[in-house]
Amino acid sequence: TTVPASDKRALFVGVDAYVAAGGTVLRDLFEADNGGWL
């Protein structure tokens, strides 16, 4: 139910801007996750 950080929407807005707006990012510490999931 999330959006990968590699999705064009996430790239367009920017993960930093998304986090600054109160969004949370799921990260995988054990596998390459390409920036995680929004």
Full PDB file with SEQRES, HELIX, SHEET, SSBOND, CRYST1, ORIGX, SCALE, CONECT and MASTER records, all heavy atoms in Angstrom:
SEQRES   1 A   38  THR THR VAL PRO ALA SER ASP LYS ARG ALA LEU PHE VAL          
SEQRES   2 A   38  GLY VAL ASP ALA TYR VAL ALA ALA GLY GLY THR VAL LEU          
SEQRES   3 A   38  ARG ASP LEU PHE GLU ALA ASP ASN GLY GLY TRP LEU              
HELIX    1 AA1 LYS A    8  VAL A   13  1                                   6    
HELIX    2 AA2 VAL A   15  ALA A   20  1                                   6    
CRYST1    1.000    1.000    1.000  90.00  90.00  90.00 P 1           1          
ORIGX1      1.000000  0.000000  0.000000        0.00000                         
ORIGX2      0.000000  1.000000  0.000000        0.00000                         
ORIGX3      0.000000  0.000000  1.000000        0.00000                         
SCALE1      1.000000  0.000000  0.000000        0.00000                         
SCALE2      0.000000  1.000000  0.000000        0.00000                         
SCALE3      0.000000  0.000000  1.000000        0.00000                         
ATOM      1  N   THR A   1       0.826  -1.217   0.000  1.00  0.00           N  
ATOM      2  CA  THR A   1       0.000   0.000   0.000  1.00  0.00           C  
ATOM      3  C   THR A   1       0.855   1.260   0.000  1.00  0.00           C  
ATOM      4  O   THR A   1       0.355   2.354   0.242  1.00  0.00           O  
ATOM      5  CB  THR A   1      -0.929   0.016   1.226  1.00  0.00           C  
ATOM      6  OG1 THR A   1      -0.135  -0.019   2.430  1.00  0.00           O  
ATOM      7  CG2 THR A   1      -1.867  -1.174   1.208  1.00  0.00           C  
ATOM      8  N   THR A   2       2.158   1.116  -0.254  1.00  0.00           N  
ATOM      9  CA  THR A   2       3.064   2.250  -0.255  1.00  0.00           C  
ATOM     10  C   THR A   2       3.503   2.581  -1.675  1.00  0.00           C  
ATOM     11  O   THR A   2       3.140   1.901  -2.624  1.00  0.00           O  
ATOM     12  CB  THR A   2       4.301   1.955   0.607  1.00  0.00           C  
ATOM     13  OG1 THR A   2       5.039   0.869   0.016  1.00  0.00           O  
ATOM     14  CG2 THR A   2       3.897   1.553   2.021  1.00  0.00           C  
ATOM     15  N   VAL A   3       4.302   3.633  -1.793  1.00  0.00           N  
ATOM     16  CA  VAL A   3       4.851   4.045  -3.088  1.00  0.00           C  
ATOM     17  C   VAL A   3       6.375   3.985  -2.997  1.00  0.00           C  
ATOM     18  O   VAL A   3       6.961   4.586  -2.101  1.00  0.00           O  
ATOM     19  CB  VAL A   3       4.402   5.476  -3.449  1.00  0.00           C  
ATOM     20  CG1 VAL A   3       5.134   5.972  -4.694  1.00  0.00           C  
ATOM     21  CG2 VAL A   3       2.898   5.515  -3.667  1.00  0.00           C  
ATOM     22  N   PRO A   4       7.039   3.251  -3.895  1.00  0.00           N  
ATOM     23  CA  PRO A   4       8.507   3.196  -3.850  1.00  0.00           C  
ATOM     24  C   PRO A   4       9.115   4.579  -4.044  1.00  0.00           C  
ATOM     25  O   PRO A   4       8.572   5.423  -4.769  1.00  0.00           O  
ATOM     26  CB  PRO A   4       8.867   2.268  -5.022  1.00  0.00           C  
ATOM     27  CG  PRO A   4       7.604   1.524  -5.331  1.00  0.00           C  
ATOM     28  CD  PRO A   4       6.475   2.431  -4.977  1.00  0.00           C  
ATOM     29  N   ALA A   5      10.249   4.811  -3.399  1.00  0.00           N  
ATOM     30  CA  ALA A   5      10.932   6.097  -3.544  1.00  0.00           C  
ATOM     31  C   ALA A   5      11.431   6.298  -4.969  1.00  0.00           C  
ATOM     32  O   ALA A   5      11.755   7.418  -5.362  1.00  0.00           O  
ATOM     33  CB  ALA A   5      12.095   6.192  -2.558  1.00  0.00           C  
ATOM     34  N   SER A   6      11.486   5.211  -5.748  1.00  0.00           N  
ATOM     35  CA  SER A   6      11.897   5.316  -7.151  1.00  0.00           C  
ATOM     36  C   SER A   6      10.730   5.677  -8.067  1.00  0.00           C  
ATOM     37  O   SER A   6      10.938   5.914  -9.260  1.00  0.00           O  
ATOM     38  CB  SER A   6      12.516   3.990  -7.614  1.00  0.00           C  
ATOM     39  OG  SER A   6      11.601   2.914  -7.424  1.00  0.00           O  
ATOM     40  N   ASP A   7       9.499   5.706  -7.530  1.00  0.00           N  
ATOM     41  CA  ASP A   7       8.328   6.094  -8.308  1.00  0.00           C  
ATOM     42  C   ASP A   7       8.488   7.549  -8.757  1.00  0.00           C  
ATOM     43  O   ASP A   7       9.041   8.391  -8.045  1.00  0.00           O  
ATOM     44  CB  ASP A   7       7.071   5.944  -7.443  1.00  0.00           C  
ATOM     45  CG  ASP A   7       5.798   6.220  -8.213  1.00  0.00           C  
ATOM     46  OD1 ASP A   7       5.421   7.407  -8.322  1.00  0.00           O  
ATOM     47  OD2 ASP A   7       5.189   5.262  -8.701  1.00  0.00           O  
ATOM     48  N   LYS A   8       7.987   7.842  -9.944  1.00  0.00           N  
ATOM     49  CA  LYS A   8       8.198   9.182 -10.476  1.00  0.00           C  
ATOM     50  C   LYS A   8       7.528  10.259  -9.623  1.00  0.00           C  
ATOM     51  O   LYS A   8       7.990  11.399  -9.576  1.00  0.00           O  
ATOM     52  CB  LYS A   8       7.718   9.272 -11.925  1.00  0.00           C  
ATOM     53  CG  LYS A   8       6.219   9.188 -12.150  1.00  0.00           C  
ATOM     54  CD  LYS A   8       5.925   9.359 -13.638  1.00  0.00           C  
ATOM     55  CE  LYS A   8       4.439   9.414 -13.938  1.00  0.00           C  
ATOM     56  NZ  LYS A   8       4.172   9.612 -15.381  1.00  0.00           N  
ATOM     57  N   ARG A   9       6.453   9.896  -8.910  1.00  0.00           N  
ATOM     58  CA  ARG A   9       5.825  10.880  -8.020  1.00  0.00           C  
ATOM     59  C   ARG A   9       6.762  11.273  -6.888  1.00  0.00           C  
ATOM     60  O   ARG A   9       6.904  12.452  -6.541  1.00  0.00           O  
ATOM     61  CB  ARG A   9       4.528  10.306  -7.449  1.00  0.00           C  
ATOM     62  CG  ARG A   9       3.390  10.167  -8.435  1.00  0.00           C  
ATOM     63  CD  ARG A   9       2.219   9.414  -7.838  1.00  0.00           C  
ATOM     64  NE  ARG A   9       2.535   7.994  -7.652  1.00  0.00           N  
ATOM     65  CZ  ARG A   9       1.743   7.123  -7.045  1.00  0.00           C  
ATOM     66  NH1 ARG A   9       0.580   7.535  -6.545  1.00  0.00           N  
ATOM     67  NH2 ARG A   9       2.085   5.860  -6.947  1.00  0.00           N  
ATOM     68  N   ALA A  10       7.431  10.262  -6.312  1.00  0.00           N  
ATOM     69  CA  ALA A  10       8.370  10.531  -5.223  1.00  0.00           C  
ATOM     70  C   ALA A  10       9.572  11.313  -5.728  1.00  0.00           C  
ATOM     71  O   ALA A  10      10.069  12.226  -5.048  1.00  0.00           O  
ATOM     72  CB  ALA A  10       8.815   9.220  -4.586  1.00  0.00           C  
ATOM     73  N   LEU A  11      10.062  10.971  -6.919  1.00  0.00           N  
ATOM     74  CA  LEU A  11      11.200  11.689  -7.487  1.00  0.00           C  
ATOM     75  C   LEU A  11      10.823  13.136  -7.790  1.00  0.00           C  
ATOM     76  O   LEU A  11      11.637  14.052  -7.611  1.00  0.00           O  
ATOM     77  CB  LEU A  11      11.667  10.989  -8.765  1.00  0.00           C  
ATOM     78  CG  LEU A  11      12.235   9.573  -8.595  1.00  0.00           C  
ATOM     79  CD1 LEU A  11      12.494   8.944  -9.958  1.00  0.00           C  
ATOM     80  CD2 LEU A  11      13.510   9.594  -7.768  1.00  0.00           C  
ATOM     81  N   PHE A  12       9.593  13.344  -8.244  1.00  0.00           N  
ATOM     82  CA  PHE A  12       9.141  14.686  -8.607  1.00  0.00           C  
ATOM     83  C   PHE A  12       9.037  15.588  -7.378  1.00  0.00           C  
ATOM     84  O   PHE A  12       9.538  16.718  -7.377  1.00  0.00           O  
ATOM     85  CB  PHE A  12       7.791  14.576  -9.316  1.00  0.00           C  
ATOM     86  CG  PHE A  12       7.171  15.897  -9.687  1.00  0.00           C  
ATOM     87  CD1 PHE A  12       7.828  16.776 -10.517  1.00  0.00           C  
ATOM     88  CD2 PHE A  12       5.912  16.246  -9.207  1.00  0.00           C  
ATOM     89  CE1 PHE A  12       7.256  17.999 -10.865  1.00  0.00           C  
ATOM     90  CE2 PHE A  12       5.333  17.455  -9.549  1.00  0.00           C  
ATOM     91  CZ  PHE A  12       6.003  18.332 -10.379  1.00  0.00           C  
ATOM     92  N   VAL A  13       8.403  15.088  -6.339  1.00  0.00           N  
ATOM     93  CA  VAL A  13       8.229  15.882  -5.114  1.00  0.00           C  
ATOM     94  C   VAL A  13       9.529  15.954  -4.322  1.00  0.00           C  
ATOM     95  O   VAL A  13       9.890  17.003  -3.776  1.00  0.00           O  
ATOM     96  CB  VAL A  13       7.102  15.279  -4.249  1.00  0.00           C  
ATOM     97  CG1 VAL A  13       7.050  15.937  -2.880  1.00  0.00           C  
ATOM     98  CG2 VAL A  13       5.765  15.429  -4.954  1.00  0.00           C  
ATOM     99  N   GLY A  14      10.255  14.832  -4.263  1.00  0.00           N  
ATOM    100  CA  GLY A  14      11.457  14.756  -3.441  1.00  0.00           C  
ATOM    101  C   GLY A  14      11.124  14.166  -2.080  1.00  0.00           C  
ATOM    102  O   GLY A  14      10.168  14.617  -1.427  1.00  0.00           O  
ATOM    103  N   VAL A  15      11.887  13.172  -1.667  1.00  0.00           N  
ATOM    104  CA  VAL A  15      11.615  12.520  -0.386  1.00  0.00           C  
ATOM    105  C   VAL A  15      11.757  13.509   0.764  1.00  0.00           C  
ATOM    106  O   VAL A  15      10.985  13.473   1.727  1.00  0.00           O  
ATOM    107  CB  VAL A  15      12.556  11.309  -0.186  1.00  0.00           C  
ATOM    108  CG1 VAL A  15      12.390  10.715   1.207  1.00  0.00           C  
ATOM    109  CG2 VAL A  15      12.279  10.247  -1.237  1.00  0.00           C  
ATOM    110  N   ASP A  16      12.730  14.414   0.663  1.00  0.00           N  
ATOM    111  CA  ASP A  16      12.928  15.394   1.748  1.00  0.00           C  
ATOM    112  C   ASP A  16      11.698  16.274   1.926  1.00  0.00           C  
ATOM    113  O   ASP A  16      11.274  16.550   3.062  1.00  0.00           O  
ATOM    114  CB  ASP A  16      14.157  16.253   1.458  1.00  0.00           C  
ATOM    115  CG  ASP A  16      15.462  15.467   1.560  1.00  0.00           C  
ATOM    116  OD1 ASP A  16      15.437  14.385   2.178  1.00  0.00           O  
ATOM    117  OD2 ASP A  16      16.482  15.923   1.016  1.00  0.00           O  
ATOM    118  N   ALA A  17      11.115  16.726   0.807  1.00  0.00           N  
ATOM    119  CA  ALA A  17       9.914  17.566   0.891  1.00  0.00           C  
ATOM    120  C   ALA A  17       8.745  16.772   1.460  1.00  0.00           C  
ATOM    121  O   ALA A  17       7.948  17.303   2.243  1.00  0.00           O  
ATOM    122  CB  ALA A  17       9.565  18.118  -0.488  1.00  0.00           C  
ATOM    123  N   TYR A  18       8.654  15.512   1.069  1.00  0.00           N  
ATOM    124  CA  TYR A  18       7.587  14.640   1.581  1.00  0.00           C  
ATOM    125  C   TYR A  18       7.724  14.456   3.090  1.00  0.00           C  
ATOM    126  O   TYR A  18       6.746  14.553   3.840  1.00  0.00           O  
ATOM    127  CB  TYR A  18       7.652  13.308   0.849  1.00  0.00           C  
ATOM    128  CG  TYR A  18       6.891  12.171   1.494  1.00  0.00           C  
ATOM    129  CD1 TYR A  18       5.514  12.036   1.353  1.00  0.00           C  
ATOM    130  CD2 TYR A  18       7.562  11.219   2.258  1.00  0.00           C  
ATOM    131  CE1 TYR A  18       4.828  10.987   1.939  1.00  0.00           C  
ATOM    132  CE2 TYR A  18       6.889  10.163   2.847  1.00  0.00           C  
ATOM    133  CZ  TYR A  18       5.521  10.054   2.690  1.00  0.00           C  
ATOM    134  OH  TYR A  18       4.860   9.016   3.288  1.00  0.00           O  
ATOM    135  N   VAL A  19       8.937  14.210   3.562  1.00  0.00           N  
ATOM    136  CA  VAL A  19       9.172  14.041   5.006  1.00  0.00           C  
ATOM    137  C   VAL A  19       8.903  15.341   5.747  1.00  0.00           C  
ATOM    138  O   VAL A  19       8.317  15.352   6.830  1.00  0.00           O  
ATOM    139  CB  VAL A  19      10.611  13.543   5.254  1.00  0.00           C  
ATOM    140  CG1 VAL A  19      10.933  13.549   6.746  1.00  0.00           C  
ATOM    141  CG2 VAL A  19      10.804  12.139   4.683  1.00  0.00           C  
ATOM    142  N   ALA A  20       9.331  16.467   5.143  1.00  0.00           N  
ATOM    143  CA  ALA A  20       9.099  17.767   5.775  1.00  0.00           C  
ATOM    144  C   ALA A  20       7.614  18.062   5.929  1.00  0.00           C  
ATOM    145  O   ALA A  20       7.204  18.771   6.856  1.00  0.00           O  
ATOM    146  CB  ALA A  20       9.767  18.862   4.953  1.00  0.00           C  
ATOM    147  N   ALA A  21       6.796  17.497   5.043  1.00  0.00           N  
ATOM    148  CA  ALA A  21       5.342  17.695   5.107  1.00  0.00           C  
ATOM    149  C   ALA A  21       4.675  16.736   6.083  1.00  0.00           C  
ATOM    150  O   ALA A  21       3.452  16.762   6.232  1.00  0.00           O  
ATOM    151  CB  ALA A  21       4.734  17.541   3.716  1.00  0.00           C  
ATOM    152  N   GLY A  22       5.472  15.892   6.735  1.00  0.00           N  
ATOM    153  CA  GLY A  22       4.915  14.976   7.726  1.00  0.00           C  
ATOM    154  C   GLY A  22       4.795  13.540   7.264  1.00  0.00           C  
ATOM    155  O   GLY A  22       4.238  12.704   7.983  1.00  0.00           O  
ATOM    156  N   GLY A  23       5.307  13.222   6.089  1.00  0.00           N  
ATOM    157  CA  GLY A  23       5.225  11.855   5.581  1.00  0.00           C  
ATOM    158  C   GLY A  23       6.276  10.949   6.197  1.00  0.00           C  
ATOM    159  O   GLY A  23       7.332  11.405   6.648  1.00  0.00           O  
ATOM    160  N   THR A  24       5.990   9.677   6.234  1.00  0.00           N  
ATOM    161  CA  THR A  24       6.923   8.690   6.777  1.00  0.00           C  
ATOM    162  C   THR A  24       7.458   7.809   5.650  1.00  0.00           C  
ATOM    163  O   THR A  24       6.768   7.548   4.666  1.00  0.00           O  
ATOM    164  CB  THR A  24       6.255   7.801   7.840  1.00  0.00           C  
ATOM    165  OG1 THR A  24       5.080   7.187   7.270  1.00  0.00           O  
ATOM    166  CG2 THR A  24       5.837   8.623   9.047  1.00  0.00           C  
ATOM    167  N   VAL A  25       8.696   7.354   5.837  1.00  0.00           N  
ATOM    168  CA  VAL A  25       9.362   6.521   4.838  1.00  0.00           C  
ATOM    169  C   VAL A  25       9.754   5.205   5.492  1.00  0.00           C  
ATOM    170  O   VAL A  25      10.375   5.186   6.556  1.00  0.00           O  
ATOM    171  CB  VAL A  25      10.619   7.210   4.274  1.00  0.00           C  
ATOM    172  CG1 VAL A  25      11.301   6.314   3.237  1.00  0.00           C  
ATOM    173  CG2 VAL A  25      10.261   8.547   3.658  1.00  0.00           C  
ATOM    174  N   LEU A  26       9.359   4.101   4.876  1.00  0.00           N  
ATOM    175  CA  LEU A  26       9.771   2.781   5.338  1.00  0.00           C  
ATOM    176  C   LEU A  26      11.104   2.443   4.693  1.00  0.00           C  
ATOM    177  O   LEU A  26      11.277   2.614   3.487  1.00  0.00           O  
ATOM    178  CB  LEU A  26       8.731   1.721   4.955  1.00  0.00           C  
ATOM    179  CG  LEU A  26       7.295   1.945   5.435  1.00  0.00           C  
ATOM    180  CD1 LEU A  26       6.401   0.791   4.974  1.00  0.00           C  
ATOM    181  CD2 LEU A  26       7.258   2.059   6.954  1.00  0.00           C  
ATOM    182  N   ARG A  27      12.064   1.965   5.491  1.00  0.00           N  
ATOM    183  CA  ARG A  27      13.379   1.618   4.958  1.00  0.00           C  
ATOM    184  C   ARG A  27      13.706   0.167   5.277  1.00  0.00           C  
ATOM    185  O   ARG A  27      13.320  -0.357   6.321  1.00  0.00           O  
ATOM    186  CB  ARG A  27      14.471   2.516   5.564  1.00  0.00           C  
ATOM    187  CG  ARG A  27      14.333   3.998   5.243  1.00  0.00           C  
ATOM    188  CD  ARG A  27      14.281   4.260   3.750  1.00  0.00           C  
ATOM    189  NE  ARG A  27      15.401   3.715   3.032  1.00  0.00           N  
ATOM    190  CZ  ARG A  27      16.512   4.402   2.734  1.00  0.00           C  
ATOM    191  NH1 ARG A  27      16.618   5.669   3.104  1.00  0.00           N  
ATOM    192  NH2 ARG A  27      17.493   3.825   2.057  1.00  0.00           N  
ATOM    193  N   ASP A  28      14.412  -0.449   4.357  1.00  0.00           N  
ATOM    194  CA  ASP A  28      14.887  -1.821   4.544  1.00  0.00           C  
ATOM    195  C   ASP A  28      16.376  -1.749   4.843  1.00  0.00           C  
ATOM    196  O   ASP A  28      17.163  -1.341   3.990  1.00  0.00           O  
ATOM    197  CB  ASP A  28      14.622  -2.641   3.283  1.00  0.00           C  
ATOM    198  CG  ASP A  28      14.869  -4.133   3.495  1.00  0.00           C  
ATOM    199  OD1 ASP A  28      15.600  -4.464   4.446  1.00  0.00           O  
ATOM    200  OD2 ASP A  28      14.334  -4.942   2.728  1.00  0.00           O  
ATOM    201  N   LEU A  29      16.767  -2.133   6.048  1.00  0.00           N  
ATOM    202  CA  LEU A  29      18.169  -2.047   6.447  1.00  0.00           C  
ATOM    203  C   LEU A  29      18.983  -3.236   5.969  1.00  0.00           C  
ATOM    204  O   LEU A  29      20.210  -3.260   6.149  1.00  0.00           O  
ATOM    205  CB  LEU A  29      18.276  -1.939   7.979  1.00  0.00           C  
ATOM    206  CG  LEU A  29      17.633  -0.708   8.620  1.00  0.00           C  
ATOM    207  CD1 LEU A  29      17.897  -0.707  10.120  1.00  0.00           C  
ATOM    208  CD2 LEU A  29      18.149   0.569   7.992  1.00  0.00           C  
ATOM    209  N   PHE A  30      18.325  -4.225   5.375  1.00  0.00           N  
ATOM    210  CA  PHE A  30      19.032  -5.454   5.033  1.00  0.00           C  
ATOM    211  C   PHE A  30      19.150  -5.683   3.526  1.00  0.00           C  
ATOM    212  O   PHE A  30      19.926  -6.519   3.096  1.00  0.00           O  
ATOM    213  CB  PHE A  30      18.323  -6.653   5.668  1.00  0.00           C  
ATOM    214  CG  PHE A  30      18.251  -6.565   7.162  1.00  0.00           C  
ATOM    215  CD1 PHE A  30      17.146  -6.030   7.791  1.00  0.00           C  
ATOM    216  CD2 PHE A  30      19.310  -6.989   7.947  1.00  0.00           C  
ATOM    217  CE1 PHE A  30      17.077  -5.935   9.178  1.00  0.00           C  
ATOM    218  CE2 PHE A  30      19.255  -6.902   9.321  1.00  0.00           C  
ATOM    219  CZ  PHE A  30      18.144  -6.375   9.938  1.00  0.00           C  
ATOM    220  N   GLU A  31      18.366  -4.977   2.735  1.00  0.00           N  
ATOM    221  CA  GLU A  31      18.415  -5.131   1.289  1.00  0.00           C  
ATOM    222  C   GLU A  31      18.442  -3.742   0.658  1.00  0.00           C  
ATOM    223  O   GLU A  31      17.996  -2.768   1.257  1.00  0.00           O  
ATOM    224  CB  GLU A  31      17.176  -5.895   0.774  1.00  0.00           C  
ATOM    225  CG  GLU A  31      17.056  -7.328   1.266  1.00  0.00           C  
ATOM    226  CD  GLU A  31      17.968  -8.284   0.532  1.00  0.00           C  
ATOM    227  OE1 GLU A  31      18.479  -7.880  -0.533  1.00  0.00           O  
ATOM    228  OE2 GLU A  31      18.179  -9.412   1.014  1.00  0.00           O  
ATOM    229  N   ALA A  32      18.989  -3.670  -0.565  1.00  0.00           N  
ATOM    230  CA  ALA A  32      18.947  -2.409  -1.298  1.00  0.00           C  
ATOM    231  C   ALA A  32      17.484  -2.059  -1.575  1.00  0.00           C  
ATOM    232  O   ALA A  32      16.762  -2.840  -2.186  1.00  0.00           O  
ATOM    233  CB  ALA A  32      19.725  -2.536  -2.603  1.00  0.00           C  
ATOM    234  N   ASP A  33      17.047  -0.912  -1.087  1.00  0.00           N  
ATOM    235  CA  ASP A  33      15.622  -0.563  -1.217  1.00  0.00           C  
ATOM    236  C   ASP A  33      15.388   0.660  -2.102  1.00  0.00           C  
ATOM    237  O   ASP A  33      14.282   1.171  -2.175  1.00  0.00           O  
ATOM    238  CB  ASP A  33      15.000  -0.334   0.170  1.00  0.00           C  
ATOM    239  CG  ASP A  33      15.648   0.832   0.923  1.00  0.00           C  
ATOM    240  OD1 ASP A  33      16.513   1.509   0.335  1.00  0.00           O  
ATOM    241  OD2 ASP A  33      15.289   1.054   2.097  1.00  0.00           O  
ATOM    242  N   ASN A  34      16.456   1.157  -2.756  1.00  0.00           N  
ATOM    243  CA  ASN A  34      16.313   2.294  -3.672  1.00  0.00           C  
ATOM    244  C   ASN A  34      15.614   3.481  -3.012  1.00  0.00           C  
ATOM    245  O   ASN A  34      14.783   4.145  -3.627  1.00  0.00           O  
ATOM    246  CB  ASN A  34      15.556   1.882  -4.941  1.00  0.00           C  
ATOM    247  CG  ASN A  34      16.288   0.840  -5.749  1.00  0.00           C  
ATOM    248  OD1 ASN A  34      17.503   0.921  -5.911  1.00  0.00           O  
ATOM    249  ND2 ASN A  34      15.577  -0.169  -6.223  1.00  0.00           N  
ATOM    250  N   GLY A  35      15.943   3.719  -1.769  1.00  0.00           N  
ATOM    251  CA  GLY A  35      15.371   4.877  -1.082  1.00  0.00           C  
ATOM    252  C   GLY A  35      14.173   4.577  -0.220  1.00  0.00           C  
ATOM    253  O   GLY A  35      13.653   5.472   0.453  1.00  0.00           O  
ATOM    254  N   GLY A  36      13.694   3.326  -0.241  1.00  0.00           N  
ATOM    255  CA  GLY A  36      12.590   2.946   0.630  1.00  0.00           C  
ATOM    256  C   GLY A  36      11.223   3.102  -0.014  1.00  0.00           C  
ATOM    257  O   GLY A  36      11.077   3.160  -1.235  1.00  0.00           O  
ATOM    258  N   TRP A  37      10.222   3.197   0.855  1.00  0.00           N  
ATOM    259  CA  TRP A  37       8.825   3.286   0.411  1.00  0.00           C  
ATOM    260  C   TRP A  37       8.137   4.423   1.156  1.00  0.00           C  
ATOM    261  O   TRP A  37       8.264   4.558   2.378  1.00  0.00           O  
ATOM    262  CB  TRP A  37       8.075   1.983   0.689  1.00  0.00           C  
ATOM    263  CG  TRP A  37       8.609   0.804  -0.048  1.00  0.00           C  
ATOM    264  CD1 TRP A  37       8.184   0.304  -1.239  1.00  0.00           C  
ATOM    265  CD2 TRP A  37       9.680  -0.065   0.372  1.00  0.00           C  
ATOM    266  NE1 TRP A  37       8.913  -0.797  -1.600  1.00  0.00           N  
ATOM    267  CE2 TRP A  37       9.838  -1.054  -0.626  1.00  0.00           C  
ATOM    268  CE3 TRP A  37      10.528  -0.098   1.486  1.00  0.00           C  
ATOM    269  CZ2 TRP A  37      10.804  -2.042  -0.534  1.00  0.00           C  
ATOM    270  CZ3 TRP A  37      11.492  -1.078   1.574  1.00  0.00           C  
ATOM    271  CH2 TRP A  37      11.621  -2.050   0.564  1.00  0.00           C  
ATOM    272  N   LEU A  38       7.381   5.237   0.438  1.00  0.00           N  
ATOM    273  CA  LEU A  38       6.636   6.338   1.039  1.00  0.00           C  
ATOM    274  C   LEU A  38       5.281   5.807   1.483  1.00  0.00           C  
ATOM    275  O   LEU A  38       4.513   5.287   0.661  1.00  0.00           O  
ATOM    276  CB  LEU A  38       6.482   7.484   0.046  1.00  0.00           C  
ATOM    277  CG  LEU A  38       7.710   8.396  -0.131  1.00  0.00           C  
ATOM    278  CD1 LEU A  38       8.919   7.618  -0.648  1.00  0.00           C  
ATOM    279  CD2 LEU A  38       7.402   9.553  -1.063  1.00  0.00           C  
TER     280      LEU A  38                                                      
MASTER        0    0    0    2    0    0    0    6  279    1    0    3          
END                                                                             
